[in-house]
Amino acid sequence: MNHLLRSHAPISDAGWELLDSEVKDRLLPALGARRLVDFAGPRGWEHSATNLGRTTRLSSSPGDGVAAQQRRVLPVVELRADFEASRSELRDADRGAADADLAALDVAARQIAVAENVAVCHGWTDAFTGMTEASPHEPLPLGAPETYPAQVAAGVDKLLAGGVAGPYALALGAEPYRDVIGMTERGGFPLREHLGAIIEGPIVYTPGIDGAVLASVRGGDFLFDCGQDIAIGYEAHDEQVVRLYLQESFTFRVATPEAAVALSR
């Protein structure tokens, strides 16, 4: 990862361990969309495109009697979130302080996780088509929490009618997720357990997305091709702060559009 220029930063080995550990702790619960897809990689920073296995016929050829086709690829996109770390806080961490202020890193980690979730689930106009964009199914209204089971069951019915087997995963935006984990139905039965029994798969916290996405997790339907996984890089520094960033590169493809249903708020 020489392109991240980490060796040029005025940060000790212990400081880098702290930063890497902090960002991992923040990213693991927030990268919900990754639990709905087939993750391949990381293939490295130099990985620039994903083979689509398709061609476009060219109208011209460099020689008579010869037809020409051009291979089609999906270019890798890069996401980057900048942040600063206080040099005095990093020095205190080197001395053993257990409460170093890394709030800016926490914000950047959430920003890049939310951006990835939104891109995968809802699409990115300049880059690729997301799950709900590609889906041929009409979105279902998520409604109030007490209607979630009926709407999710209707979504499962749509997927089954389209020949898409389970198990299924339910990705929930931050507010619907709070509703689900905090609500019990009549008789004290947790809403989360009811939904889990319907989909026979995970309920996934996916901050940033609109409402919810119900998707098959049988495999082969949604393809996330990672170049560089999320990592911290060095930009510059002065006497007070070190300017750093989080960066990743990836492509995303929907192989089976019928395998997802949007539940909108």
C-alpha atoms as a PDB file:
ATOM      1  CA  MET A   1       0.000   0.000   0.000  1.00  0.00           C
ATOM      2  CA  ASN A   2       2.854   2.381  -0.820  1.00  0.00           C
ATOM      3  CA  HIS A   3       0.458   4.696  -2.665  1.00  0.00           C
ATOM      4  CA  LEU A   4      -1.078   5.568   0.719  1.00  0.00           C
ATOM      5  CA  LEU A   5       2.290   7.148   1.729  1.00  0.00           C
ATOM      6  CA  ARG A   6       1.853   6.066   5.343  1.00  0.00           C
ATOM      7  CA  SER A   7       5.606   5.969   5.956  1.00  0.00           C
ATOM      8  CA  HIS A   8       5.757   9.749   5.355  1.00  0.00           C
ATOM      9  CA  ALA A   9       3.334  10.520   8.192  1.00  0.00           C
ATOM     10  CA  PRO A  10       4.646  11.619  11.628  1.00  0.00           C
ATOM     11  CA  ILE A  11       2.754   8.725  13.231  1.00  0.00           C
ATOM     12  CA  SER A  12       4.334   5.943  15.277  1.00  0.00           C
ATOM     13  CA  ASP A  13       3.691   2.251  14.695  1.00  0.00           C
ATOM     14  CA  ALA A  14       1.494   2.264  17.783  1.00  0.00           C
ATOM     15  CA  GLY A  15      -0.367   5.282  16.410  1.00  0.00           C
ATOM     16  CA  TRP A  16      -1.102   3.484  13.139  1.00  0.00           C
ATOM     17  CA  GLU A  17      -2.292   0.433  15.059  1.00  0.00           C
ATOM     18  CA  LEU A  18      -4.661   2.664  17.011  1.00  0.00           C
ATOM     19  CA  LEU A  19      -6.027   4.358  13.898  1.00  0.00           C
ATOM     20  CA  ASP A  20      -6.461   1.081  12.004  1.00  0.00           C
ATOM     21  CA  SER A  21      -8.191  -0.533  14.969  1.00  0.00           C
ATOM     22  CA  GLU A  22     -10.520   2.444  15.417  1.00  0.00           C
ATOM     23  CA  VAL A  23     -11.581   2.536  11.789  1.00  0.00           C
ATOM     24  CA  LYS A  24     -12.181  -1.221  11.746  1.00  0.00           C
ATOM     25  CA  ASP A  25     -14.398  -0.943  14.827  1.00  0.00           C
ATOM     26  CA  ARG A  26     -16.421   1.831  13.181  1.00  0.00           C
ATOM     27  CA  LEU A  27     -16.735   0.199   9.756  1.00  0.00           C
ATOM     28  CA  LEU A  28     -17.701  -3.347  10.705  1.00  0.00           C
ATOM     29  CA  PRO A  29     -21.238  -2.547  11.925  1.00  0.00           C
ATOM     30  CA  ALA A  30     -21.850   0.170   9.320  1.00  0.00           C
ATOM     31  CA  LEU A  31     -20.970  -1.604   6.042  1.00  0.00           C
ATOM     32  CA  GLY A  32     -24.338  -3.322   5.872  1.00  0.00           C
ATOM     33  CA  ALA A  33     -24.649  -3.555   2.087  1.00  0.00           C
ATOM     34  CA  ARG A  34     -21.672  -5.925   1.968  1.00  0.00           C
ATOM     35  CA  ARG A  35     -23.737  -8.561   3.776  1.00  0.00           C
ATOM     36  CA  LEU A  36     -26.140  -8.694   0.827  1.00  0.00           C
ATOM     37  CA  VAL A  37     -23.568  -9.205  -1.917  1.00  0.00           C
ATOM     38  CA  ASP A  38     -20.861 -11.563  -3.137  1.00  0.00           C
ATOM     39  CA  PHE A  39     -17.598  -9.840  -2.158  1.00  0.00           C
ATOM     40  CA  ALA A  40     -14.553 -10.573  -4.344  1.00  0.00           C
ATOM     41  CA  GLY A  41     -11.083  -9.234  -3.606  1.00  0.00           C
ATOM     42  CA  PRO A  42      -9.388  -7.099  -2.588  1.00  0.00           C
ATOM     43  CA  ARG A  43      -7.496  -7.208  -5.876  1.00  0.00           C
ATOM     44  CA  GLY A  44      -5.194  -4.262  -5.203  1.00  0.00           C
ATOM     45  CA  TRP A  45      -5.017  -0.551  -5.956  1.00  0.00           C
ATOM     46  CA  GLU A  46      -3.886  -1.163  -9.538  1.00  0.00           C
ATOM     47  CA  HIS A  47      -7.084  -3.096 -10.354  1.00  0.00           C
ATOM     48  CA  SER A  48      -8.930  -0.764 -12.722  1.00  0.00           C
ATOM     49  CA  ALA A  49     -11.903  -2.572 -14.242  1.00  0.00           C
ATOM     50  CA  THR A  50     -14.156  -5.617 -14.005  1.00  0.00           C
ATOM     51  CA  ASN A  51     -14.649  -7.847 -17.021  1.00  0.00           C
ATOM     52  CA  LEU A  52     -18.308  -7.948 -18.085  1.00  0.00           C
ATOM     53  CA  GLY A  53     -17.849 -10.847 -20.493  1.00  0.00           C
ATOM     54  CA  ARG A  54     -19.512  -8.846 -23.278  1.00  0.00           C
ATOM     55  CA  THR A  55     -18.400  -7.022 -26.416  1.00  0.00           C
ATOM     56  CA  THR A  56     -19.446  -4.108 -28.599  1.00  0.00           C
ATOM     57  CA  ARG A  57     -19.103  -4.500 -32.366  1.00  0.00           C
ATOM     58  CA  LEU A  58     -16.956  -1.759 -33.851  1.00  0.00           C
ATOM     59  CA  SER A  59     -18.051  -0.023 -37.028  1.00  0.00           C
ATOM     60  CA  SER A  60     -14.524   0.089 -38.413  1.00  0.00           C
ATOM     61  CA  SER A  61     -11.654  -2.353 -38.838  1.00  0.00           C
ATOM     62  CA  PRO A  62      -7.950  -1.882 -39.556  1.00  0.00           C
ATOM     63  CA  GLY A  63      -8.090  -4.381 -42.419  1.00  0.00           C
ATOM     64  CA  ASP A  64     -10.392  -5.604 -45.218  1.00  0.00           C
ATOM     65  CA  GLY A  65     -12.397  -8.719 -44.493  1.00  0.00           C
ATOM     66  CA  VAL A  66     -11.828  -8.474 -40.757  1.00  0.00           C
ATOM     67  CA  ALA A  67     -14.573  -7.772 -38.204  1.00  0.00           C
ATOM     68  CA  ALA A  68     -13.733  -6.076 -34.929  1.00  0.00           C
ATOM     69  CA  GLN A  69     -15.240  -6.125 -31.458  1.00  0.00           C
ATOM     70  CA  GLN A  70     -14.281  -4.309 -28.296  1.00  0.00           C
ATOM     71  CA  ARG A  71     -14.397  -5.957 -24.873  1.00  0.00           C
ATOM     72  CA  ARG A  72     -16.680  -4.247 -22.369  1.00  0.00           C
ATOM     73  CA  VAL A  73     -15.551  -3.577 -18.815  1.00  0.00           C
ATOM     74  CA  LEU A  74     -16.919  -1.789 -15.765  1.00  0.00           C
ATOM     75  CA  PRO A  75     -14.380   0.784 -14.556  1.00  0.00           C
ATOM     76  CA  VAL A  76     -13.473   0.805 -10.882  1.00  0.00           C
ATOM     77  CA  VAL A  77     -14.666   3.774  -8.849  1.00  0.00           C
ATOM     78  CA  GLU A  78     -12.854   5.318  -5.885  1.00  0.00           C
ATOM     79  CA  LEU A  79     -14.367   6.721  -2.708  1.00  0.00           C
ATOM     80  CA  ARG A  80     -12.393   8.970  -0.377  1.00  0.00           C
ATOM     81  CA  ALA A  81     -13.256  10.652   2.937  1.00  0.00           C
ATOM     82  CA  ASP A  82     -10.746  13.145   4.391  1.00  0.00           C
ATOM     83  CA  PHE A  83     -10.159  13.759   8.086  1.00  0.00           C
ATOM     84  CA  GLU A  84      -7.568  15.189  10.483  1.00  0.00           C
ATOM     85  CA  ALA A  85      -5.893  13.709  13.546  1.00  0.00           C
ATOM     86  CA  SER A  86      -4.410  15.865  16.293  1.00  0.00           C
ATOM     87  CA  ARG A  87      -0.686  15.244  16.706  1.00  0.00           C
ATOM     88  CA  SER A  88      -0.928  15.936  20.430  1.00  0.00           C
ATOM     89  CA  GLU A  89      -3.683  13.334  20.783  1.00  0.00           C
ATOM     90  CA  LEU A  90      -1.568  10.798  18.901  1.00  0.00           C
ATOM     91  CA  ARG A  91       1.413  11.560  21.165  1.00  0.00           C
ATOM     92  CA  ASP A  92      -0.796  11.064  24.224  1.00  0.00           C
ATOM     93  CA  ALA A  93      -1.921   7.718  22.801  1.00  0.00           C
ATOM     94  CA  ASP A  94       1.743   6.742  22.437  1.00  0.00           C
ATOM     95  CA  ARG A  95       2.161   7.521  26.147  1.00  0.00           C
ATOM     96  CA  GLY A  96      -0.672   5.157  26.980  1.00  0.00           C
ATOM     97  CA  ALA A  97      -3.771   7.375  26.939  1.00  0.00           C
ATOM     98  CA  ALA A  98      -6.806   5.173  26.349  1.00  0.00           C
ATOM     99  CA  ASP A  99      -9.192   8.012  25.447  1.00  0.00           C
ATOM    100  CA  ALA A 100      -7.557   9.626  22.401  1.00  0.00           C
ATOM    101  CA  ASP A 101      -9.951  11.946  20.558  1.00  0.00           C
ATOM    102  CA  LEU A 102     -10.488  10.352  17.125  1.00  0.00           C
ATOM    103  CA  ALA A 103     -13.910  11.835  16.468  1.00  0.00           C
ATOM    104  CA  ALA A 104     -12.935  13.071  12.996  1.00  0.00           C
ATOM    105  CA  LEU A 105     -11.929   9.539  12.010  1.00  0.00           C
ATOM    106  CA  ASP A 106     -15.253   8.214  13.273  1.00  0.00           C
ATOM    107  CA  VAL A 107     -17.110  10.749  11.118  1.00  0.00           C
ATOM    108  CA  ALA A 108     -15.081   9.867   8.009  1.00  0.00           C
ATOM    109  CA  ALA A 109     -15.641   6.136   8.575  1.00  0.00           C
ATOM    110  CA  ARG A 110     -19.387   6.633   8.754  1.00  0.00           C
ATOM    111  CA  GLN A 111     -19.351   8.872   5.663  1.00  0.00           C
ATOM    112  CA  ILE A 112     -17.576   6.322   3.486  1.00  0.00           C
ATOM    113  CA  ALA A 113     -19.702   3.450   4.823  1.00  0.00           C
ATOM    114  CA  VAL A 114     -22.927   5.357   4.124  1.00  0.00           C
ATOM    115  CA  ALA A 115     -21.724   6.251   0.620  1.00  0.00           C
ATOM    116  CA  GLU A 116     -20.959   2.605  -0.151  1.00  0.00           C
ATOM    117  CA  ASN A 117     -24.306   1.431   1.243  1.00  0.00           C
ATOM    118  CA  VAL A 118     -26.256   3.966  -0.810  1.00  0.00           C
ATOM    119  CA  ALA A 119     -24.306   3.222  -4.007  1.00  0.00           C
ATOM    120  CA  VAL A 120     -24.804  -0.543  -3.752  1.00  0.00           C
ATOM    121  CA  CYS A 121     -28.441  -0.472  -2.667  1.00  0.00           C
ATOM    122  CA  HIS A 122     -29.755   2.503  -4.648  1.00  0.00           C
ATOM    123  CA  GLY A 123     -27.165   3.055  -7.383  1.00  0.00           C
ATOM    124  CA  TRP A 124     -24.674   5.722  -8.397  1.00  0.00           C
ATOM    125  CA  THR A 125     -25.720   7.674 -11.491  1.00  0.00           C
ATOM    126  CA  ASP A 126     -22.182   8.254 -12.780  1.00  0.00           C
ATOM    127  CA  ALA A 127     -20.869   4.772 -12.026  1.00  0.00           C
ATOM    128  CA  PHE A 128     -23.253   1.798 -11.894  1.00  0.00           C
ATOM    129  CA  THR A 129     -26.798   0.575 -11.266  1.00  0.00           C
ATOM    130  CA  GLY A 130     -27.804  -0.371  -7.726  1.00  0.00           C
ATOM    131  CA  MET A 131     -30.041  -3.127  -6.434  1.00  0.00           C
ATOM    132  CA  THR A 132     -33.288  -1.186  -6.139  1.00  0.00           C
ATOM    133  CA  GLU A 133     -32.681   0.643  -9.431  1.00  0.00           C
ATOM    134  CA  ALA A 134     -32.283  -2.630 -11.295  1.00  0.00           C
ATOM    135  CA  SER A 135     -35.189  -4.414  -9.624  1.00  0.00           C
ATOM    136  CA  PRO A 136     -38.240  -4.950 -11.866  1.00  0.00           C
ATOM    137  CA  HIS A 137     -40.479  -5.219  -8.786  1.00  0.00           C
ATOM    138  CA  GLU A 138     -42.621  -2.270  -7.791  1.00  0.00           C
ATOM    139  CA  PRO A 139     -41.430  -0.901  -4.434  1.00  0.00           C
ATOM    140  CA  LEU A 140     -43.572  -1.805  -1.442  1.00  0.00           C
ATOM    141  CA  PRO A 141     -44.462   0.733   1.257  1.00  0.00           C
ATOM    142  CA  LEU A 142     -42.626  -0.077   4.466  1.00  0.00           C
ATOM    143  CA  GLY A 143     -45.310   1.647   6.523  1.00  0.00           C
ATOM    144  CA  ALA A 144     -45.400   1.814  10.302  1.00  0.00           C
ATOM    145  CA  PRO A 145     -43.440  -0.735  12.367  1.00  0.00           C
ATOM    146  CA  GLU A 146     -46.528  -2.823  13.077  1.00  0.00           C
ATOM    147  CA  THR A 147     -46.967  -3.368   9.324  1.00  0.00           C
ATOM    148  CA  TYR A 148     -43.367  -4.427   8.689  1.00  0.00           C
ATOM    149  CA  PRO A 149     -44.074  -8.190   8.885  1.00  0.00           C
ATOM    150  CA  ALA A 150     -46.907  -8.020   6.341  1.00  0.00           C
ATOM    151  CA  GLN A 151     -44.876  -5.900   3.920  1.00  0.00           C
ATOM    152  CA  VAL A 152     -41.758  -8.024   4.240  1.00  0.00           C
ATOM    153  CA  ALA A 153     -43.857 -11.149   3.699  1.00  0.00           C
ATOM    154  CA  ALA A 154     -45.293  -9.517   0.561  1.00  0.00           C
ATOM    155  CA  GLY A 155     -41.742  -8.870  -0.610  1.00  0.00           C
ATOM    156  CA  VAL A 156     -40.760 -12.488  -0.035  1.00  0.00           C
ATOM    157  CA  ASP A 157     -43.814 -13.517  -2.042  1.00  0.00           C
ATOM    158  CA  LYS A 158     -42.657 -11.302  -4.930  1.00  0.00           C
ATOM    159  CA  LEU A 159     -39.213 -12.898  -4.894  1.00  0.00           C
ATOM    160  CA  LEU A 160     -40.605 -16.423  -4.750  1.00  0.00           C
ATOM    161  CA  ALA A 161     -43.031 -15.673  -7.579  1.00  0.00           C
ATOM    162  CA  GLY A 162     -40.061 -14.508  -9.632  1.00  0.00           C
ATOM    163  CA  GLY A 163     -38.238 -17.781  -9.008  1.00  0.00           C
ATOM    164  CA  VAL A 164     -35.748 -16.299  -6.545  1.00  0.00           C
ATOM    165  CA  ALA A 165     -35.032 -18.642  -3.650  1.00  0.00           C
ATOM    166  CA  GLY A 166     -33.879 -17.713  -0.185  1.00  0.00           C
ATOM    167  CA  PRO A 167     -32.517 -17.293   2.319  1.00  0.00           C
ATOM    168  CA  TYR A 168     -33.201 -13.583   2.256  1.00  0.00           C
ATOM    169  CA  ALA A 169     -31.647 -10.627   4.049  1.00  0.00           C
ATOM    170  CA  LEU A 170     -33.430  -7.458   5.106  1.00  0.00           C
ATOM    171  CA  ALA A 171     -31.258  -4.330   4.972  1.00  0.00           C
ATOM    172  CA  LEU A 172     -32.718  -1.550   7.101  1.00  0.00           C
ATOM    173  CA  GLY A 173     -31.872   2.135   7.224  1.00  0.00           C
ATOM    174  CA  ALA A 174     -30.986   3.596  10.618  1.00  0.00           C
ATOM    175  CA  GLU A 175     -34.517   4.631  11.661  1.00  0.00           C
ATOM    176  CA  PRO A 176     -36.330   1.436  10.605  1.00  0.00           C
ATOM    177  CA  TYR A 177     -33.587  -0.590  12.285  1.00  0.00           C
ATOM    178  CA  ARG A 178     -34.190   1.245  15.564  1.00  0.00           C
ATOM    179  CA  ASP A 179     -37.904   0.499  15.190  1.00  0.00           C
ATOM    180  CA  VAL A 180     -37.261  -3.194  14.671  1.00  0.00           C
ATOM    181  CA  ILE A 181     -34.830  -3.781  17.535  1.00  0.00           C
ATOM    182  CA  GLY A 182     -36.912  -1.752  19.984  1.00  0.00           C
ATOM    183  CA  MET A 183     -40.419  -3.044  19.298  1.00  0.00           C
ATOM    184  CA  THR A 184     -42.362  -6.018  20.564  1.00  0.00           C
ATOM    185  CA  GLU A 185     -45.645  -7.215  19.111  1.00  0.00           C
ATOM    186  CA  ARG A 186     -48.746  -8.377  20.962  1.00  0.00           C
ATOM    187  CA  GLY A 187     -47.836 -10.944  23.552  1.00  0.00           C
ATOM    188  CA  GLY A 188     -44.335  -9.515  23.902  1.00  0.00           C
ATOM    189  CA  PHE A 189     -42.885 -11.285  20.839  1.00  0.00           C
ATOM    190  CA  PRO A 190     -39.916  -9.275  19.503  1.00  0.00           C
ATOM    191  CA  LEU A 191     -40.501  -7.779  16.069  1.00  0.00           C
ATOM    192  CA  ARG A 192     -36.946  -8.675  15.079  1.00  0.00           C
ATOM    193  CA  GLU A 193     -37.574 -12.383  15.680  1.00  0.00           C
ATOM    194  CA  HIS A 194     -40.816 -12.274  13.687  1.00  0.00           C
ATOM    195  CA  LEU A 195     -39.081 -10.684  10.695  1.00  0.00           C
ATOM    196  CA  GLY A 196     -36.173 -13.116  10.985  1.00  0.00           C
ATOM    197  CA  ALA A 197     -38.582 -16.043  10.822  1.00  0.00           C
ATOM    198  CA  ILE A 198     -40.149 -14.626   7.638  1.00  0.00           C
ATOM    199  CA  ILE A 199     -36.906 -14.073   5.724  1.00  0.00           C
ATOM    200  CA  GLU A 200     -34.906 -16.965   7.239  1.00  0.00           C
ATOM    201  CA  GLY A 201     -31.826 -14.760   7.079  1.00  0.00           C
ATOM    202  CA  PRO A 202     -30.136 -11.737   8.667  1.00  0.00           C
ATOM    203  CA  ILE A 203     -31.577  -8.330   9.482  1.00  0.00           C
ATOM    204  CA  VAL A 204     -28.823  -5.885   8.604  1.00  0.00           C
ATOM    205  CA  TYR A 205     -28.159  -2.386   9.920  1.00  0.00           C
ATOM    206  CA  THR A 206     -27.436  -0.388   6.746  1.00  0.00           C
ATOM    207  CA  PRO A 207     -27.157   3.340   7.517  1.00  0.00           C
ATOM    208  CA  GLY A 208     -27.830   5.731   4.665  1.00  0.00           C
ATOM    209  CA  ILE A 209     -30.336   3.702   2.682  1.00  0.00           C
ATOM    210  CA  ASP A 210     -33.929   4.801   2.177  1.00  0.00           C
ATOM    211  CA  GLY A 211     -36.303   2.484   4.014  1.00  0.00           C
ATOM    212  CA  ALA A 212     -35.318  -1.134   3.463  1.00  0.00           C
ATOM    213  CA  VAL A 213     -34.113  -3.573   0.836  1.00  0.00           C
ATOM    214  CA  LEU A 214     -35.155  -7.222   0.820  1.00  0.00           C
ATOM    215  CA  ALA A 215     -32.727  -9.368  -1.152  1.00  0.00           C
ATOM    216  CA  SER A 216     -31.820 -12.972  -1.697  1.00  0.00           C
ATOM    217  CA  VAL A 217     -28.471 -13.980  -0.230  1.00  0.00           C
ATOM    218  CA  ARG A 218     -28.347 -17.360  -1.969  1.00  0.00           C
ATOM    219  CA  GLY A 219     -25.293 -16.071  -3.904  1.00  0.00           C
ATOM    220  CA  GLY A 220     -24.527 -15.070  -7.475  1.00  0.00           C
ATOM    221  CA  ASP A 221     -27.053 -12.223  -7.716  1.00  0.00           C
ATOM    222  CA  PHE A 222     -25.114  -9.143  -6.570  1.00  0.00           C
ATOM    223  CA  LEU A 223     -21.391  -8.847  -7.275  1.00  0.00           C
ATOM    224  CA  PHE A 224     -19.059  -6.496  -5.409  1.00  0.00           C
ATOM    225  CA  ASP A 225     -15.559  -6.484  -6.926  1.00  0.00           C
ATOM    226  CA  CYS A 226     -13.081  -4.807  -4.559  1.00  0.00           C
ATOM    227  CA  GLY A 227      -9.821  -3.275  -5.754  1.00  0.00           C
ATOM    228  CA  GLN A 228      -8.484  -1.693  -2.577  1.00  0.00           C
ATOM    229  CA  ASP A 229     -10.488  -2.268   0.570  1.00  0.00           C
ATOM    230  CA  ILE A 230     -11.008   0.727   2.855  1.00  0.00           C
ATOM    231  CA  ALA A 231      -7.653   1.908   4.207  1.00  0.00           C
ATOM    232  CA  ILE A 232      -6.123   5.020   5.769  1.00  0.00           C
ATOM    233  CA  GLY A 233      -3.751   7.137   3.689  1.00  0.00           C
ATOM    234  CA  TYR A 234      -1.541  10.146   4.438  1.00  0.00           C
ATOM    235  CA  GLU A 235      -1.978  13.537   2.754  1.00  0.00           C
ATOM    236  CA  ALA A 236       0.068  16.145   4.695  1.00  0.00           C
ATOM    237  CA  HIS A 237       0.763  17.533   8.154  1.00  0.00           C
ATOM    238  CA  ASP A 238       1.679  20.657  10.067  1.00  0.00           C
ATOM    239  CA  GLU A 239       2.636  21.290  13.688  1.00  0.00           C
ATOM    240  CA  GLN A 240      -0.881  20.655  14.996  1.00  0.00           C
ATOM    241  CA  VAL A 241      -2.577  18.026  12.804  1.00  0.00           C
ATOM    242  CA  VAL A 242      -1.974  15.191  10.385  1.00  0.00           C
ATOM    243  CA  ARG A 243      -4.268  15.256   7.339  1.00  0.00           C
ATOM    244  CA  LEU A 244      -5.362  11.742   6.479  1.00  0.00           C
ATOM    245  CA  TYR A 245      -8.064  10.039   4.436  1.00  0.00           C
ATOM    246  CA  LEU A 246     -10.009   6.825   4.040  1.00  0.00           C
ATOM    247  CA  GLN A 247     -10.038   5.390   0.534  1.00  0.00           C
ATOM    248  CA  GLU A 248     -11.442   2.378  -1.297  1.00  0.00           C
ATOM    249  CA  SER A 249     -11.964   1.258  -4.894  1.00  0.00           C
ATOM    250  CA  PHE A 250     -14.589  -1.143  -6.235  1.00  0.00           C
ATOM    251  CA  THR A 251     -17.198  -1.972  -8.841  1.00  0.00           C
ATOM    252  CA  PHE A 252     -20.696  -3.364  -8.354  1.00  0.00           C
ATOM    253  CA  ARG A 253     -22.941  -5.352 -10.706  1.00  0.00           C
ATOM    254  CA  VAL A 254     -26.467  -6.699 -10.465  1.00  0.00           C
ATOM    255  CA  ALA A 255     -26.526 -10.129 -12.091  1.00  0.00           C
ATOM    256  CA  THR A 256     -30.140 -10.959 -11.162  1.00  0.00           C
ATOM    257  CA  PRO A 257     -32.363  -7.855 -11.007  1.00  0.00           C
ATOM    258  CA  GLU A 258     -35.327  -9.939  -9.794  1.00  0.00           C
ATOM    259  CA  ALA A 259     -33.476 -10.858  -6.599  1.00  0.00           C
ATOM    260  CA  ALA A 260     -34.237  -7.625  -4.681  1.00  0.00           C
ATOM    261  CA  VAL A 261     -37.305  -5.655  -3.634  1.00  0.00           C
ATOM    262  CA  ALA A 262     -37.321  -2.110  -2.278  1.00  0.00           C
ATOM    263  CA  LEU A 263     -39.484  -1.213   0.722  1.00  0.00           C
ATOM    264  CA  SER A 264     -39.753   2.557   0.748  1.00  0.00           C
ATOM    265  CA  ARG A 265     -40.758   4.907   3.561  1.00  0.00           C
END
